[in-house]
Amino acid sequence: MLIVTTENVANHRVVRTLGQCFGIVVRSRGLGGNIVAGLRSIVGGEIPEYTRLLEDARRHAIDRLVENATAMGANAIVMMRFDSAEIGQTMSEIVAYGTAVVVEPAH
């Protein structure tokens, strides 16, 4: 599956636009992870526990995006973006979304 953040895929042309597709993941750190991250936030700087959590969540959201686009019959996703939000104080929602399309090599 080709995934691009641009409107077009180099050396390809869109032959069919199938519509919006997305992958959503909601993740939460466990109580222990929240305590460690809370202590680190007092000192400042990067909080590796949350960085890993969000990196994993983005990868999982992309996997779900690809599953949904494949089910629609797409072989590419254009205009892919991420969005995120907090749910309460302990959960993060990550959404990967874009437009499912069928592309073929340009001649």
C-alpha atoms as a PDB file:
ATOM      1  CA  MET A   1       0.000   0.000   0.000  1.00  0.00           C
ATOM      2  CA  LEU A   2       1.433   3.355  -1.048  1.00  0.00           C
ATOM      3  CA  ILE A   3       0.839   6.029   1.575  1.00  0.00           C
ATOM      4  CA  VAL A   4       1.703   9.647   0.821  1.00  0.00           C
ATOM      5  CA  THR A   5       1.003  12.972   2.473  1.00  0.00           C
ATOM      6  CA  THR A   6       0.710  14.653  -0.907  1.00  0.00           C
ATOM      7  CA  GLU A   7      -2.251  14.913  -3.253  1.00  0.00           C
ATOM      8  CA  ASN A   8      -0.483  12.975  -5.999  1.00  0.00           C
ATOM      9  CA  VAL A   9       1.840   9.977  -6.200  1.00  0.00           C
ATOM     10  CA  ALA A  10       4.937  10.583  -8.325  1.00  0.00           C
ATOM     11  CA  ASN A  11       4.866   8.741 -11.657  1.00  0.00           C
ATOM     12  CA  HIS A  12       1.313   7.477 -11.007  1.00  0.00           C
ATOM     13  CA  ARG A  13      -2.158   8.669 -11.836  1.00  0.00           C
ATOM     14  CA  VAL A  14      -5.303   8.259  -9.791  1.00  0.00           C
ATOM     15  CA  VAL A  15      -7.811   6.174 -11.735  1.00  0.00           C
ATOM     16  CA  ARG A  16     -10.445   5.940  -9.001  1.00  0.00           C
ATOM     17  CA  THR A  17     -11.137   7.821  -5.792  1.00  0.00           C
ATOM     18  CA  LEU A  18     -12.817   5.579  -3.235  1.00  0.00           C
ATOM     19  CA  GLY A  19     -13.291   8.055  -0.404  1.00  0.00           C
ATOM     20  CA  GLN A  20     -12.195   8.851   3.102  1.00  0.00           C
ATOM     21  CA  CYS A  21     -10.538   6.179   5.190  1.00  0.00           C
ATOM     22  CA  PHE A  22      -9.139   6.225   8.702  1.00  0.00           C
ATOM     23  CA  GLY A  23      -7.607   4.215  11.516  1.00  0.00           C
ATOM     24  CA  ILE A  24      -8.265   5.084  15.157  1.00  0.00           C
ATOM     25  CA  VAL A  25      -6.395   3.969  18.272  1.00  0.00           C
ATOM     26  CA  VAL A  26      -7.026   4.973  21.891  1.00  0.00           C
ATOM     27  CA  ARG A  27      -4.188   4.219  24.287  1.00  0.00           C
ATOM     28  CA  SER A  28      -3.526   4.710  27.971  1.00  0.00           C
ATOM     29  CA  ARG A  29      -0.402   4.291  30.069  1.00  0.00           C
ATOM     30  CA  GLY A  30      -0.774   2.052  33.072  1.00  0.00           C
ATOM     31  CA  LEU A  31      -0.736   3.545  36.551  1.00  0.00           C
ATOM     32  CA  GLY A  32       2.980   2.769  36.986  1.00  0.00           C
ATOM     33  CA  GLY A  33       3.849   4.437  33.678  1.00  0.00           C
ATOM     34  CA  ASN A  34       1.815   7.501  34.611  1.00  0.00           C
ATOM     35  CA  ILE A  35       3.624   7.805  37.937  1.00  0.00           C
ATOM     36  CA  VAL A  36       7.073   7.509  36.324  1.00  0.00           C
ATOM     37  CA  ALA A  37       6.097   9.967  33.575  1.00  0.00           C
ATOM     38  CA  GLY A  38       4.686  12.349  36.182  1.00  0.00           C
ATOM     39  CA  LEU A  39       7.939  12.300  38.110  1.00  0.00           C
ATOM     40  CA  ARG A  40       9.931  12.921  34.923  1.00  0.00           C
ATOM     41  CA  SER A  41       7.697  15.872  34.021  1.00  0.00           C
ATOM     42  CA  ILE A  42       8.757  17.626  37.232  1.00  0.00           C
ATOM     43  CA  VAL A  43      12.346  17.727  35.985  1.00  0.00           C
ATOM     44  CA  GLY A  44      11.395  18.624  32.413  1.00  0.00           C
ATOM     45  CA  GLY A  45      12.565  17.279  29.079  1.00  0.00           C
ATOM     46  CA  GLU A  46      11.374  14.356  26.998  1.00  0.00           C
ATOM     47  CA  ILE A  47       9.223  11.695  28.628  1.00  0.00           C
ATOM     48  CA  PRO A  48      10.335   8.470  26.871  1.00  0.00           C
ATOM     49  CA  GLU A  49       7.417   6.430  28.240  1.00  0.00           C
ATOM     50  CA  TYR A  50       4.924   8.687  26.457  1.00  0.00           C
ATOM     51  CA  THR A  51       7.079   9.017  23.334  1.00  0.00           C
ATOM     52  CA  ARG A  52       7.092   5.216  22.913  1.00  0.00           C
ATOM     53  CA  LEU A  53       3.361   5.043  23.621  1.00  0.00           C
ATOM     54  CA  LEU A  54       2.543   7.629  20.945  1.00  0.00           C
ATOM     55  CA  GLU A  55       4.974   6.146  18.386  1.00  0.00           C
ATOM     56  CA  ASP A  56       3.356   2.734  18.849  1.00  0.00           C
ATOM     57  CA  ALA A  57      -0.122   4.263  18.656  1.00  0.00           C
ATOM     58  CA  ARG A  58       0.710   6.026  15.367  1.00  0.00           C
ATOM     59  CA  ARG A  59       2.031   2.789  13.848  1.00  0.00           C
ATOM     60  CA  HIS A  60      -1.100   0.961  15.005  1.00  0.00           C
ATOM     61  CA  ALA A  61      -3.328   3.728  13.562  1.00  0.00           C
ATOM     62  CA  ILE A  62      -1.529   3.435  10.201  1.00  0.00           C
ATOM     63  CA  ASP A  63      -2.016  -0.355  10.255  1.00  0.00           C
ATOM     64  CA  ARG A  64      -5.761   0.166  10.782  1.00  0.00           C
ATOM     65  CA  LEU A  65      -5.828   2.832   8.072  1.00  0.00           C
ATOM     66  CA  VAL A  66      -4.255   0.365   5.627  1.00  0.00           C
ATOM     67  CA  GLU A  67      -6.733  -2.362   6.638  1.00  0.00           C
ATOM     68  CA  ASN A  68      -9.680  -0.037   5.979  1.00  0.00           C
ATOM     69  CA  ALA A  69      -8.301   1.231   2.660  1.00  0.00           C
ATOM     70  CA  THR A  70      -7.592  -2.347   1.525  1.00  0.00           C
ATOM     71  CA  ALA A  71     -11.163  -3.355   2.402  1.00  0.00           C
ATOM     72  CA  MET A  72     -12.363  -0.481   0.196  1.00  0.00           C
ATOM     73  CA  GLY A  73     -10.296  -1.816  -2.736  1.00  0.00           C
ATOM     74  CA  ALA A  74      -7.557   0.835  -2.639  1.00  0.00           C
ATOM     75  CA  ASN A  75      -3.909   0.344  -3.487  1.00  0.00           C
ATOM     76  CA  ALA A  76      -2.856   3.780  -2.222  1.00  0.00           C
ATOM     77  CA  ILE A  77      -3.756   6.461   0.294  1.00  0.00           C
ATOM     78  CA  VAL A  78      -3.181  10.117  -0.557  1.00  0.00           C
ATOM     79  CA  MET A  79      -3.277  13.185   1.697  1.00  0.00           C
ATOM     80  CA  MET A  80      -2.537  11.060   4.791  1.00  0.00           C
ATOM     81  CA  ARG A  81      -2.570  12.971   8.055  1.00  0.00           C
ATOM     82  CA  PHE A  82      -2.508  12.334  11.798  1.00  0.00           C
ATOM     83  CA  ASP A  83      -4.721  13.913  14.396  1.00  0.00           C
ATOM     84  CA  SER A  84      -4.629  13.397  18.132  1.00  0.00           C
ATOM     85  CA  ALA A  85      -6.635  14.318  21.188  1.00  0.00           C
ATOM     86  CA  GLU A  86      -6.649  13.591  24.877  1.00  0.00           C
ATOM     87  CA  ILE A  87      -9.527  11.742  26.442  1.00  0.00           C
ATOM     88  CA  GLY A  88      -9.572  12.536  30.117  1.00  0.00           C
ATOM     89  CA  GLN A  89      -6.119  12.866  31.617  1.00  0.00           C
ATOM     90  CA  THR A  90      -4.812   9.375  30.951  1.00  0.00           C
ATOM     91  CA  MET A  91      -5.827   8.433  27.401  1.00  0.00           C
ATOM     92  CA  SER A  92      -4.726   9.573  23.965  1.00  0.00           C
ATOM     93  CA  GLU A  93      -6.663   9.139  20.727  1.00  0.00           C
ATOM     94  CA  ILE A  94      -4.584   8.924  17.547  1.00  0.00           C
ATOM     95  CA  VAL A  95      -6.276   9.041  14.147  1.00  0.00           C
ATOM     96  CA  ALA A  96      -4.534   8.395  10.827  1.00  0.00           C
ATOM     97  CA  TYR A  97      -6.705   9.443   7.899  1.00  0.00           C
ATOM     98  CA  GLY A  98      -6.550  10.090   4.198  1.00  0.00           C
ATOM     99  CA  THR A  99      -8.217   9.402   0.867  1.00  0.00           C
ATOM    100  CA  ALA A 100      -8.322   5.825  -0.428  1.00  0.00           C
ATOM    101  CA  VAL A 101      -7.533   5.674  -4.144  1.00  0.00           C
ATOM    102  CA  VAL A 102      -6.599   3.304  -6.915  1.00  0.00           C
ATOM    103  CA  VAL A 103      -3.459   4.381  -8.757  1.00  0.00           C
ATOM    104  CA  GLU A 104      -1.630   3.013 -11.744  1.00  0.00           C
ATOM    105  CA  PRO A 105       1.755   3.866 -13.211  1.00  0.00           C
ATOM    106  CA  ALA A 106       1.689   6.851 -15.571  1.00  0.00           C
ATOM    107  CA  HIS A 107       2.721   6.017 -19.124  1.00  0.00           C
END
